[in-house]
PDB file of N, CA and C in Angstrom:
ATOM      1  N   MET A   1      10.873 -16.204  -3.180  1.00  0.00           N
ATOM      2  CA  MET A   1      10.755 -15.631  -1.852  1.00  0.00           C
ATOM      3  C   MET A   1       9.552 -14.668  -1.841  1.00  0.00           C
ATOM      4  N   PRO A   2       8.691 -14.757  -0.825  1.00  0.00           N
ATOM      5  CA  PRO A   2       7.514 -13.888  -0.767  1.00  0.00           C
ATOM      6  C   PRO A   2       7.904 -12.418  -0.579  1.00  0.00           C
ATOM      7  N   VAL A   3       7.056 -11.552  -1.075  1.00  0.00           N
ATOM      8  CA  VAL A   3       7.245 -10.118  -0.907  1.00  0.00           C
ATOM      9  C   VAL A   3       6.988  -9.765   0.555  1.00  0.00           C
ATOM     10  N   SER A   4       7.852  -8.935   1.116  1.00  0.00           N
ATOM     11  CA  SER A   4       7.799  -8.559   2.524  1.00  0.00           C
ATOM     12  C   SER A   4       7.336  -7.102   2.676  1.00  0.00           C
ATOM     13  N   PHE A   5       6.456  -6.866   3.641  1.00  0.00           N
ATOM     14  CA  PHE A   5       6.020  -5.502   3.908  1.00  0.00           C
ATOM     15  C   PHE A   5       7.212  -4.629   4.280  1.00  0.00           C
ATOM     16  N   GLN A   6       7.994  -5.078   5.249  1.00  0.00           N
ATOM     17  CA  GLN A   6       9.110  -4.271   5.762  1.00  0.00           C
ATOM     18  C   GLN A   6      10.164  -3.993   4.696  1.00  0.00           C
ATOM     19  N   LYS A   7      10.545  -5.020   3.964  1.00  0.00           N
ATOM     20  CA  LYS A   7      11.652  -4.904   3.015  1.00  0.00           C
ATOM     21  C   LYS A   7      11.217  -4.320   1.666  1.00  0.00           C
ATOM     22  N   ASP A   8      10.024  -4.701   1.194  1.00  0.00           N
ATOM     23  CA  ASP A   8       9.620  -4.359  -0.170  1.00  0.00           C
ATOM     24  C   ASP A   8       8.524  -3.292  -0.269  1.00  0.00           C
ATOM     25  N   ILE A   9       7.551  -3.336   0.623  1.00  0.00           N
ATOM     26  CA  ILE A   9       6.379  -2.469   0.489  1.00  0.00           C
ATOM     27  C   ILE A   9       6.560  -1.139   1.214  1.00  0.00           C
ATOM     28  N   LEU A  10       6.994  -1.177   2.439  1.00  0.00           N
ATOM     29  CA  LEU A  10       7.162   0.066   3.191  1.00  0.00           C
ATOM     30  C   LEU A  10       8.024   1.093   2.448  1.00  0.00           C
ATOM     31  N   PRO A  11       9.125   0.685   1.804  1.00  0.00           N
ATOM     32  CA  PRO A  11       9.929   1.674   1.074  1.00  0.00           C
ATOM     33  C   PRO A  11       9.203   2.339  -0.108  1.00  0.00           C
ATOM     34  N   LEU A  12       8.092   1.769  -0.552  1.00  0.00           N
ATOM     35  CA  LEU A  12       7.328   2.391  -1.642  1.00  0.00           C
ATOM     36  C   LEU A  12       6.647   3.683  -1.191  1.00  0.00           C
ATOM     37  N   PHE A  13       6.380   3.784   0.109  1.00  0.00           N
ATOM     38  CA  PHE A  13       5.706   4.955   0.650  1.00  0.00           C
ATOM     39  C   PHE A  13       6.736   5.973   1.113  1.00  0.00           C
ATOM     40  N   ARG A  14       6.680   7.161   0.532  1.00  0.00           N
ATOM     41  CA  ARG A  14       7.601   8.230   0.936  1.00  0.00           C
ATOM     42  C   ARG A  14       7.170   8.764   2.306  1.00  0.00           C
ATOM     43  N   PRO A  15       8.099   9.323   3.077  1.00  0.00           N
ATOM     44  CA  PRO A  15       7.715   9.902   4.368  1.00  0.00           C
ATOM     45  C   PRO A  15       6.576  10.918   4.245  1.00  0.00           C
ATOM     46  N   ILE A  16       6.576  11.703   3.172  1.00  0.00           N
ATOM     47  CA  ILE A  16       5.502  12.685   2.992  1.00  0.00           C
ATOM     48  C   ILE A  16       4.149  11.989   2.783  1.00  0.00           C
ATOM     49  N   ASP A  17       4.152  10.843   2.101  1.00  0.00           N
ATOM     50  CA  ASP A  17       2.906  10.083   1.901  1.00  0.00           C
ATOM     51  C   ASP A  17       2.392   9.561   3.237  1.00  0.00           C
ATOM     52  N   ILE A  18       3.302   9.015   4.023  1.00  0.00           N
ATOM     53  CA  ILE A  18       2.934   8.454   5.329  1.00  0.00           C
ATOM     54  C   ILE A  18       2.353   9.546   6.217  1.00  0.00           C
ATOM     55  N   ASP A  19       3.008  10.696   6.275  1.00  0.00           N
ATOM     56  CA  ASP A  19       2.535  11.801   7.107  1.00  0.00           C
ATOM     57  C   ASP A  19       1.207  12.352   6.608  1.00  0.00           C
ATOM     58  N   HIS A  20       1.087  12.532   5.306  1.00  0.00           N
ATOM     59  CA  HIS A  20      -0.133  13.089   4.720  1.00  0.00           C
ATOM     60  C   HIS A  20      -1.346  12.188   4.965  1.00  0.00           C
ATOM     61  N   MET A  21      -1.140  10.892   4.890  1.00  0.00           N
ATOM     62  CA  MET A  21      -2.264   9.947   4.995  1.00  0.00           C
ATOM     63  C   MET A  21      -2.555   9.510   6.425  1.00  0.00           C
ATOM     64  N   ARG A  22      -1.663   9.833   7.375  1.00  0.00           N
ATOM     65  CA  ARG A  22      -1.813   9.361   8.754  1.00  0.00           C
ATOM     66  C   ARG A  22      -3.204   9.597   9.350  1.00  0.00           C
ATOM     67  N   PRO A  23      -3.885  10.701   9.086  1.00  0.00           N
ATOM     68  CA  PRO A  23      -5.235  10.845   9.665  1.00  0.00           C
ATOM     69  C   PRO A  23      -6.246   9.813   9.127  1.00  0.00           C
ATOM     70  N   HIS A  24      -5.925   9.200   7.986  1.00  0.00           N
ATOM     71  CA  HIS A  24      -6.865   8.299   7.327  1.00  0.00           C
ATOM     72  C   HIS A  24      -6.400   6.847   7.294  1.00  0.00           C
ATOM     73  N   VAL A  25      -5.110   6.659   7.037  1.00  0.00           N
ATOM     74  CA  VAL A  25      -4.535   5.329   6.807  1.00  0.00           C
ATOM     75  C   VAL A  25      -3.144   5.279   7.431  1.00  0.00           C
ATOM     76  N   LEU A  26      -2.823   4.168   8.055  1.00  0.00           N
ATOM     77  CA  LEU A  26      -1.501   3.996   8.669  1.00  0.00           C
ATOM     78  C   LEU A  26      -0.598   3.210   7.718  1.00  0.00           C
ATOM     79  N   LEU A  27      -0.076   3.900   6.715  1.00  0.00           N
ATOM     80  CA  LEU A  27       0.698   3.244   5.663  1.00  0.00           C
ATOM     81  C   LEU A  27       1.941   2.536   6.176  1.00  0.00           C
ATOM     82  N   ASP A  28       2.501   3.004   7.276  1.00  0.00           N
ATOM     83  CA  ASP A  28       3.749   2.423   7.779  1.00  0.00           C
ATOM     84  C   ASP A  28       3.529   1.405   8.898  1.00  0.00           C
ATOM     85  N   ASP A  29       2.287   1.020   9.126  1.00  0.00           N
ATOM     86  CA  ASP A  29       1.941   0.104  10.220  1.00  0.00           C
ATOM     87  C   ASP A  29       1.534  -1.253   9.643  1.00  0.00           C
ATOM     88  N   TYR A  30       2.441  -2.229   9.775  1.00  0.00           N
ATOM     89  CA  TYR A  30       2.174  -3.555   9.211  1.00  0.00           C
ATOM     90  C   TYR A  30       0.877  -4.153   9.739  1.00  0.00           C
ATOM     91  N   ALA A  31       0.634  -4.075  11.047  1.00  0.00           N
ATOM     92  CA  ALA A  31      -0.576  -4.672  11.622  1.00  0.00           C
ATOM     93  C   ALA A  31      -1.836  -4.055  11.009  1.00  0.00           C
ATOM     94  N   TYR A  32      -1.812  -2.758  10.805  1.00  0.00           N
ATOM     95  CA  TYR A  32      -2.955  -2.076  10.192  1.00  0.00           C
ATOM     96  C   TYR A  32      -3.104  -2.492   8.730  1.00  0.00           C
ATOM     97  N   MET A  33      -2.010  -2.419   7.983  1.00  0.00           N
ATOM     98  CA  MET A  33      -2.070  -2.709   6.544  1.00  0.00           C
ATOM     99  C   MET A  33      -2.402  -4.168   6.254  1.00  0.00           C
ATOM    100  N   SER A  34      -2.006  -5.083   7.120  1.00  0.00           N
ATOM    101  CA  SER A  34      -2.248  -6.511   6.870  1.00  0.00           C
ATOM    102  C   SER A  34      -3.477  -7.039   7.601  1.00  0.00           C
ATOM    103  N   ASN A  35      -4.207  -6.162   8.278  1.00  0.00           N
ATOM    104  CA  ASN A  35      -5.380  -6.581   9.043  1.00  0.00           C
ATOM    105  C   ASN A  35      -6.354  -7.347   8.143  1.00  0.00           C
ATOM    106  N   PRO A  36      -6.725  -8.574   8.532  1.00  0.00           N
ATOM    107  CA  PRO A  36      -7.595  -9.387   7.680  1.00  0.00           C
ATOM    108  C   PRO A  36      -9.075  -8.993   7.722  1.00  0.00           C
ATOM    109  N   ASP A  37      -9.439  -8.068   8.607  1.00  0.00           N
ATOM    110  CA  ASP A  37     -10.849  -7.667   8.692  1.00  0.00           C
ATOM    111  C   ASP A  37     -11.367  -7.194   7.340  1.00  0.00           C
ATOM    112  N   ARG A  38     -12.611  -7.559   7.068  1.00  0.00           N
ATOM    113  CA  ARG A  38     -13.292  -7.173   5.823  1.00  0.00           C
ATOM    114  C   ARG A  38     -12.433  -7.498   4.601  1.00  0.00           C
ATOM    115  N   ASP A  39     -11.870  -8.704   4.608  1.00  0.00           N
ATOM    116  CA  ASP A  39     -11.067  -9.198   3.485  1.00  0.00           C
ATOM    117  C   ASP A  39      -9.898  -8.265   3.160  1.00  0.00           C
ATOM    118  N   HIS A  40      -9.153  -7.916   4.208  1.00  0.00           N
ATOM    119  CA  HIS A  40      -7.960  -7.061   4.078  1.00  0.00           C
ATOM    120  C   HIS A  40      -8.307  -5.691   3.476  1.00  0.00           C
ATOM    121  N   ALA A  41      -9.383  -5.098   3.984  1.00  0.00           N
ATOM    122  CA  ALA A  41      -9.912  -3.852   3.429  1.00  0.00           C
ATOM    123  C   ALA A  41      -8.894  -2.723   3.370  1.00  0.00           C
ATOM    124  N   HIS A  42      -8.028  -2.595   4.370  1.00  0.00           N
ATOM    125  CA  HIS A  42      -7.054  -1.494   4.354  1.00  0.00           C
ATOM    126  C   HIS A  42      -6.075  -1.647   3.191  1.00  0.00           C
ATOM    127  N   ALA A  43      -5.492  -2.812   3.060  1.00  0.00           N
ATOM    128  CA  ALA A  43      -4.517  -3.045   1.994  1.00  0.00           C
ATOM    129  C   ALA A  43      -5.171  -2.922   0.621  1.00  0.00           C
ATOM    130  N   VAL A  44      -6.382  -3.450   0.493  1.00  0.00           N
ATOM    131  CA  VAL A  44      -7.090  -3.383  -0.790  1.00  0.00           C
ATOM    132  C   VAL A  44      -7.384  -1.931  -1.155  1.00  0.00           C
ATOM    133  N   ALA A  45      -7.860  -1.142  -0.194  1.00  0.00           N
ATOM    134  CA  ALA A  45      -8.172   0.264  -0.471  1.00  0.00           C
ATOM    135  C   ALA A  45      -6.919   1.027  -0.897  1.00  0.00           C
ATOM    136  N   VAL A  46      -5.812   0.824  -0.193  1.00  0.00           N
ATOM    137  CA  VAL A  46      -4.570   1.490  -0.576  1.00  0.00           C
ATOM    138  C   VAL A  46      -4.199   1.094  -2.003  1.00  0.00           C
ATOM    139  N   GLY A  47      -4.287  -0.179  -2.307  1.00  0.00           N
ATOM    140  CA  GLY A  47      -3.999  -0.637  -3.669  1.00  0.00           C
ATOM    141  C   GLY A  47      -4.894   0.021  -4.702  1.00  0.00           C
ATOM    142  N   ASP A  48      -6.160   0.176  -4.374  1.00  0.00           N
ATOM    143  CA  ASP A  48      -7.093   0.826  -5.303  1.00  0.00           C
ATOM    144  C   ASP A  48      -6.715   2.281  -5.562  1.00  0.00           C
ATOM    145  N   PHE A  49      -6.285   2.980  -4.522  1.00  0.00           N
ATOM    146  CA  PHE A  49      -5.921   4.390  -4.694  1.00  0.00           C
ATOM    147  C   PHE A  49      -4.596   4.569  -5.425  1.00  0.00           C
ATOM    148  N   VAL A  50      -3.609   3.718  -5.162  1.00  0.00           N
ATOM    149  CA  VAL A  50      -2.319   3.897  -5.841  1.00  0.00           C
ATOM    150  C   VAL A  50      -2.370   3.461  -7.300  1.00  0.00           C
ATOM    151  N   THR A  51      -3.330   2.606  -7.648  1.00  0.00           N
ATOM    152  CA  THR A  51      -3.464   2.189  -9.049  1.00  0.00           C
ATOM    153  C   THR A  51      -4.382   3.099  -9.843  1.00  0.00           C
ATOM    154  N   GLY A  52      -5.188   3.900  -9.140  1.00  0.00           N
ATOM    155  CA  GLY A  52      -6.146   4.752  -9.823  1.00  0.00           C
ATOM    156  C   GLY A  52      -7.503   4.105 -10.013  1.00  0.00           C
ATOM    157  N   ARG A  53      -7.679   2.908  -9.450  1.00  0.00           N
ATOM    158  CA  ARG A  53      -9.010   2.273  -9.524  1.00  0.00           C
ATOM    159  C   ARG A  53     -10.025   3.065  -8.703  1.00  0.00           C
ATOM    160  N   ARG A  54      -9.523   3.813  -7.715  1.00  0.00           N
ATOM    161  CA  ARG A  54     -10.349   4.728  -6.924  1.00  0.00           C
ATOM    162  C   ARG A  54      -9.712   6.103  -6.985  1.00  0.00           C
ATOM    163  N   GLU A  55     -10.534   7.109  -6.951  1.00  0.00           N
ATOM    164  CA  GLU A  55     -10.069   8.491  -7.000  1.00  0.00           C
ATOM    165  C   GLU A  55     -10.194   9.132  -5.632  1.00  0.00           C
ATOM    166  N   PRO A  56      -9.331  10.067  -5.293  1.00  0.00           N
ATOM    167  CA  PRO A  56      -8.237  10.574  -6.110  1.00  0.00           C
ATOM    168  C   PRO A  56      -7.060   9.615  -6.079  1.00  0.00           C
ATOM    169  N   ARG A  57      -6.363   9.537  -7.196  1.00  0.00           N
ATOM    170  CA  ARG A  57      -5.201   8.663  -7.271  1.00  0.00           C
ATOM    171  C   ARG A  57      -4.137   9.171  -6.304  1.00  0.00           C
ATOM    172  N   MET A  58      -3.471   8.232  -5.680  1.00  0.00           N
ATOM    173  CA  MET A  58      -2.440   8.565  -4.709  1.00  0.00           C
ATOM    174  C   MET A  58      -1.067   8.232  -5.263  1.00  0.00           C
ATOM    175  N   PRO A  59      -0.063   8.941  -4.838  1.00  0.00           N
ATOM    176  CA  PRO A  59      -0.105  10.102  -3.962  1.00  0.00           C
ATOM    177  C   PRO A  59      -0.657  11.316  -4.703  1.00  0.00           C
ATOM    178  N   PRO A  60      -1.271  12.240  -3.977  1.00  0.00           N
ATOM    179  CA  PRO A  60      -1.874  13.403  -4.619  1.00  0.00           C
ATOM    180  C   PRO A  60      -0.865  14.159  -5.478  1.00  0.00           C
ATOM    181  N   GLY A  61      -1.179  14.327  -6.734  1.00  0.00           N
ATOM    182  CA  GLY A  61      -0.292  15.056  -7.644  1.00  0.00           C
ATOM    183  C   GLY A  61       0.907  14.274  -8.139  1.00  0.00           C
ATOM    184  N   GLY A  62       1.030  12.994  -7.710  1.00  0.00           N
ATOM    185  CA  GLY A  62       2.133  12.156  -8.150  1.00  0.00           C
ATOM    186  C   GLY A  62       3.384  12.406  -7.326  1.00  0.00           C
ATOM    187  N   PRO A  63       4.489  11.791  -7.652  1.00  0.00           N
ATOM    188  CA  PRO A  63       4.617  10.859  -8.766  1.00  0.00           C
ATOM    189  C   PRO A  63       3.878   9.558  -8.457  1.00  0.00           C
ATOM    190  N   TYR A  64       3.155   9.085  -9.460  1.00  0.00           N
ATOM    191  CA  TYR A  64       2.385   7.864  -9.290  1.00  0.00           C
ATOM    192  C   TYR A  64       3.295   6.647  -9.385  1.00  0.00           C
ATOM    193  N   TRP A  65       2.850   5.562  -8.780  1.00  0.00           N
ATOM    194  CA  TRP A  65       3.646   4.339  -8.796  1.00  0.00           C
ATOM    195  C   TRP A  65       3.764   3.804 -10.213  1.00  0.00           C
ATOM    196  N   THR A  66       4.892   3.197 -10.473  1.00  0.00           N
ATOM    197  CA  THR A  66       5.136   2.546 -11.762  1.00  0.00           C
ATOM    198  C   THR A  66       4.392   1.206 -11.793  1.00  0.00           C
ATOM    199  N   ALA A  67       4.298   0.639 -12.972  1.00  0.00           N
ATOM    200  CA  ALA A  67       3.676  -0.682 -13.111  1.00  0.00           C
ATOM    201  C   ALA A  67       4.415  -1.713 -12.265  1.00  0.00           C
ATOM    202  N   ALA A  68       5.745  -1.601 -12.185  1.00  0.00           N
ATOM    203  CA  ALA A  68       6.535  -2.546 -11.382  1.00  0.00           C
ATOM    204  C   ALA A  68       6.225  -2.393  -9.892  1.00  0.00           C
ATOM    205  N   GLN A  69       6.067  -1.162  -9.427  1.00  0.00           N
ATOM    206  CA  GLN A  69       5.735  -0.942  -8.018  1.00  0.00           C
ATOM    207  C   GLN A  69       4.339  -1.476  -7.693  1.00  0.00           C
ATOM    208  N   ILE A  70       3.400  -1.238  -8.585  1.00  0.00           N
ATOM    209  CA  ILE A  70       2.038  -1.748  -8.395  1.00  0.00           C
ATOM    210  C   ILE A  70       2.059  -3.270  -8.381  1.00  0.00           C
ATOM    211  N   ALA A  71       2.796  -3.876  -9.289  1.00  0.00           N
ATOM    212  CA  ALA A  71       2.886  -5.337  -9.331  1.00  0.00           C
ATOM    213  C   ALA A  71       3.491  -5.885  -8.040  1.00  0.00           C
ATOM    214  N   LEU A  72       4.494  -5.209  -7.495  1.00  0.00           N
ATOM    215  CA  LEU A  72       5.111  -5.638  -6.243  1.00  0.00           C
ATOM    216  C   LEU A  72       4.090  -5.583  -5.104  1.00  0.00           C
ATOM    217  N   TYR A  73       3.333  -4.501  -5.032  1.00  0.00           N
ATOM    218  CA  TYR A  73       2.305  -4.358  -3.995  1.00  0.00           C
ATOM    219  C   TYR A  73       1.250  -5.460  -4.129  1.00  0.00           C
ATOM    220  N   GLU A  74       0.807  -5.695  -5.351  1.00  0.00           N
ATOM    221  CA  GLU A  74      -0.193  -6.744  -5.579  1.00  0.00           C
ATOM    222  C   GLU A  74       0.364  -8.122  -5.264  1.00  0.00           C
ATOM    223  N   GLN A  75       1.660  -8.331  -5.521  1.00  0.00           N
ATOM    224  CA  GLN A  75       2.288  -9.609  -5.179  1.00  0.00           C
ATOM    225  C   GLN A  75       2.350  -9.787  -3.664  1.00  0.00           C
ATOM    226  N   TRP A  76       2.582  -8.705  -2.937  1.00  0.00           N
ATOM    227  CA  TRP A  76       2.573  -8.769  -1.466  1.00  0.00           C
ATOM    228  C   TRP A  76       1.217  -9.293  -0.995  1.00  0.00           C
ATOM    229  N   MET A  77       0.149  -8.790  -1.576  1.00  0.00           N
ATOM    230  CA  MET A  77      -1.181  -9.266  -1.179  1.00  0.00           C
ATOM    231  C   MET A  77      -1.354 -10.743  -1.566  1.00  0.00           C
ATOM    232  N   THR A  78      -0.963 -11.085  -2.781  1.00  0.00           N
ATOM    233  CA  THR A  78      -1.078 -12.469  -3.254  1.00  0.00           C
ATOM    234  C   THR A  78      -0.256 -13.420  -2.383  1.00  0.00           C
ATOM    235  N   ASP A  79       0.903 -12.969  -1.935  1.00  0.00           N
ATOM    236  CA  ASP A  79       1.788 -13.796  -1.113  1.00  0.00           C
ATOM    237  C   ASP A  79       1.295 -13.949   0.332  1.00  0.00           C
ATOM    238  N   GLY A  80       0.186 -13.300   0.660  1.00  0.00           N
ATOM    239  CA  GLY A  80      -0.378 -13.481   1.992  1.00  0.00           C
ATOM    240  C   GLY A  80      -0.010 -12.411   2.993  1.00  0.00           C
ATOM    241  N   TYR A  81       0.317 -11.192   2.501  1.00  0.00           N
ATOM    242  CA  TYR A  81       0.554 -10.053   3.419  1.00  0.00           C
ATOM    243  C   TYR A  81       1.680 -10.352   4.409  1.00  0.00           C
ATOM    244  N   GLN A  82       2.810 -10.787   3.871  1.00  0.00           N
ATOM    245  CA  GLN A  82       3.957 -11.166   4.729  1.00  0.00           C
ATOM    246  C   GLN A  82       4.577  -9.942   5.391  1.00  0.00           C
ATOM    247  N   PRO A  83       5.048 -10.125   6.623  1.00  0.00           N
ATOM    248  CA  PRO A  83       5.666  -9.000   7.323  1.00  0.00           C
ATOM    249  C   PRO A  83       6.985  -8.616   6.679  1.00  0.00           C
TER     250      PRO A  83
END
Protein backbone atom coordinates (compact mmCIF):
# COMPACT_ATOMS: atom_id res chain seq x y z
CA MET A 1 0.00 0.00 0.00
CA PRO A 2 1.44 3.43 -0.93
CA VAL A 3 2.45 5.86 1.79
CA SER A 4 -0.24 8.50 2.36
CA PHE A 5 0.36 12.15 3.22
CA GLN A 6 -2.69 12.34 5.50
CA LYS A 7 -2.20 9.03 7.29
CA ASP A 8 1.60 8.64 7.34
CA ILE A 9 3.39 11.93 6.64
CA LEU A 10 1.33 14.64 8.29
CA PRO A 11 1.63 12.98 11.73
CA LEU A 12 5.44 13.27 11.45
CA PHE A 13 5.14 17.04 11.78
CA ARG A 14 4.43 18.25 15.30
CA PRO A 15 2.02 21.20 15.70
CA ILE A 16 4.96 23.34 16.84
CA ASP A 17 6.85 22.46 13.62
CA ILE A 18 3.85 23.37 11.48
CA ASP A 19 3.37 26.70 13.28
CA HIS A 20 7.07 27.57 13.29
CA MET A 21 7.51 26.88 9.57
CA ARG A 22 4.21 28.41 8.38
CA PRO A 23 5.84 31.68 7.20
CA HIS A 24 8.13 29.61 4.94
CA VAL A 25 6.55 26.21 4.25
CA LEU A 26 3.03 24.82 4.56
CA LEU A 27 3.90 21.47 6.13
CA ASP A 28 0.27 20.54 6.77
CA ASP A 29 -1.00 21.43 3.28
CA TYR A 30 -1.08 18.43 0.94
CA ALA A 31 -1.53 20.56 -2.21
CA TYR A 32 1.52 22.64 -1.30
CA MET A 33 3.70 19.70 -0.25
CA SER A 34 2.80 17.59 -3.31
CA ASN A 35 2.97 20.45 -5.83
CA PRO A 36 4.80 19.09 -8.90
CA ASP A 37 6.30 22.47 -9.83
CA ARG A 38 10.09 22.45 -10.15
CA ASP A 39 10.18 18.66 -9.71
CA HIS A 40 8.28 18.69 -6.39
CA ALA A 41 10.58 21.38 -4.97
CA HIS A 42 8.62 21.87 -1.74
CA ALA A 43 8.63 18.20 -0.74
CA VAL A 44 12.26 17.78 -1.78
CA ALA A 45 13.38 20.82 0.23
CA VAL A 46 11.55 19.62 3.34
CA GLY A 47 13.19 16.22 2.92
CA ASP A 48 16.60 17.86 2.61
CA PHE A 49 16.13 19.82 5.83
CA VAL A 50 14.77 16.95 7.93
CA THR A 51 17.61 14.66 6.83
CA GLY A 52 20.32 17.25 7.35
CA ARG A 53 21.31 17.39 3.69
CA ARG A 54 20.58 21.12 4.03
CA GLU A 55 21.21 23.29 7.05
CA PRO A 56 19.84 24.13 9.47
CA ARG A 57 18.54 20.66 10.17
CA MET A 58 14.88 20.59 11.06
CA PRO A 59 13.21 20.74 13.42
CA PRO A 60 15.43 23.38 15.02
CA GLY A 61 17.16 21.86 18.03
CA GLY A 62 15.53 18.46 17.44
CA PRO A 63 14.27 15.98 18.12
CA TYR A 64 15.42 14.98 14.67
CA TRP A 65 13.58 12.38 12.64
CA THR A 66 14.64 8.77 12.99
CA ALA A 67 15.93 6.75 10.05
CA ALA A 68 12.51 5.05 9.90
CA GLN A 69 10.69 8.39 9.71
CA ILE A 70 13.03 9.63 6.99
CA ALA A 71 12.55 6.40 5.05
CA LEU A 72 8.76 6.78 5.32
CA TYR A 73 8.94 10.35 3.99
CA GLU A 74 11.20 9.28 1.13
CA GLN A 75 8.84 6.39 0.35
CA TRP A 76 5.95 8.88 0.15
CA MET A 77 7.87 10.72 -2.56
CA THR A 78 8.79 7.47 -4.34
CA ASP A 79 5.15 6.33 -4.20
CA GLY A 80 4.10 9.45 -6.11
CA TYR A 81 3.11 11.92 -3.36
CA GLN A 82 -0.16 10.16 -2.51
CA PRO A 83 -2.78 12.08 -0.55
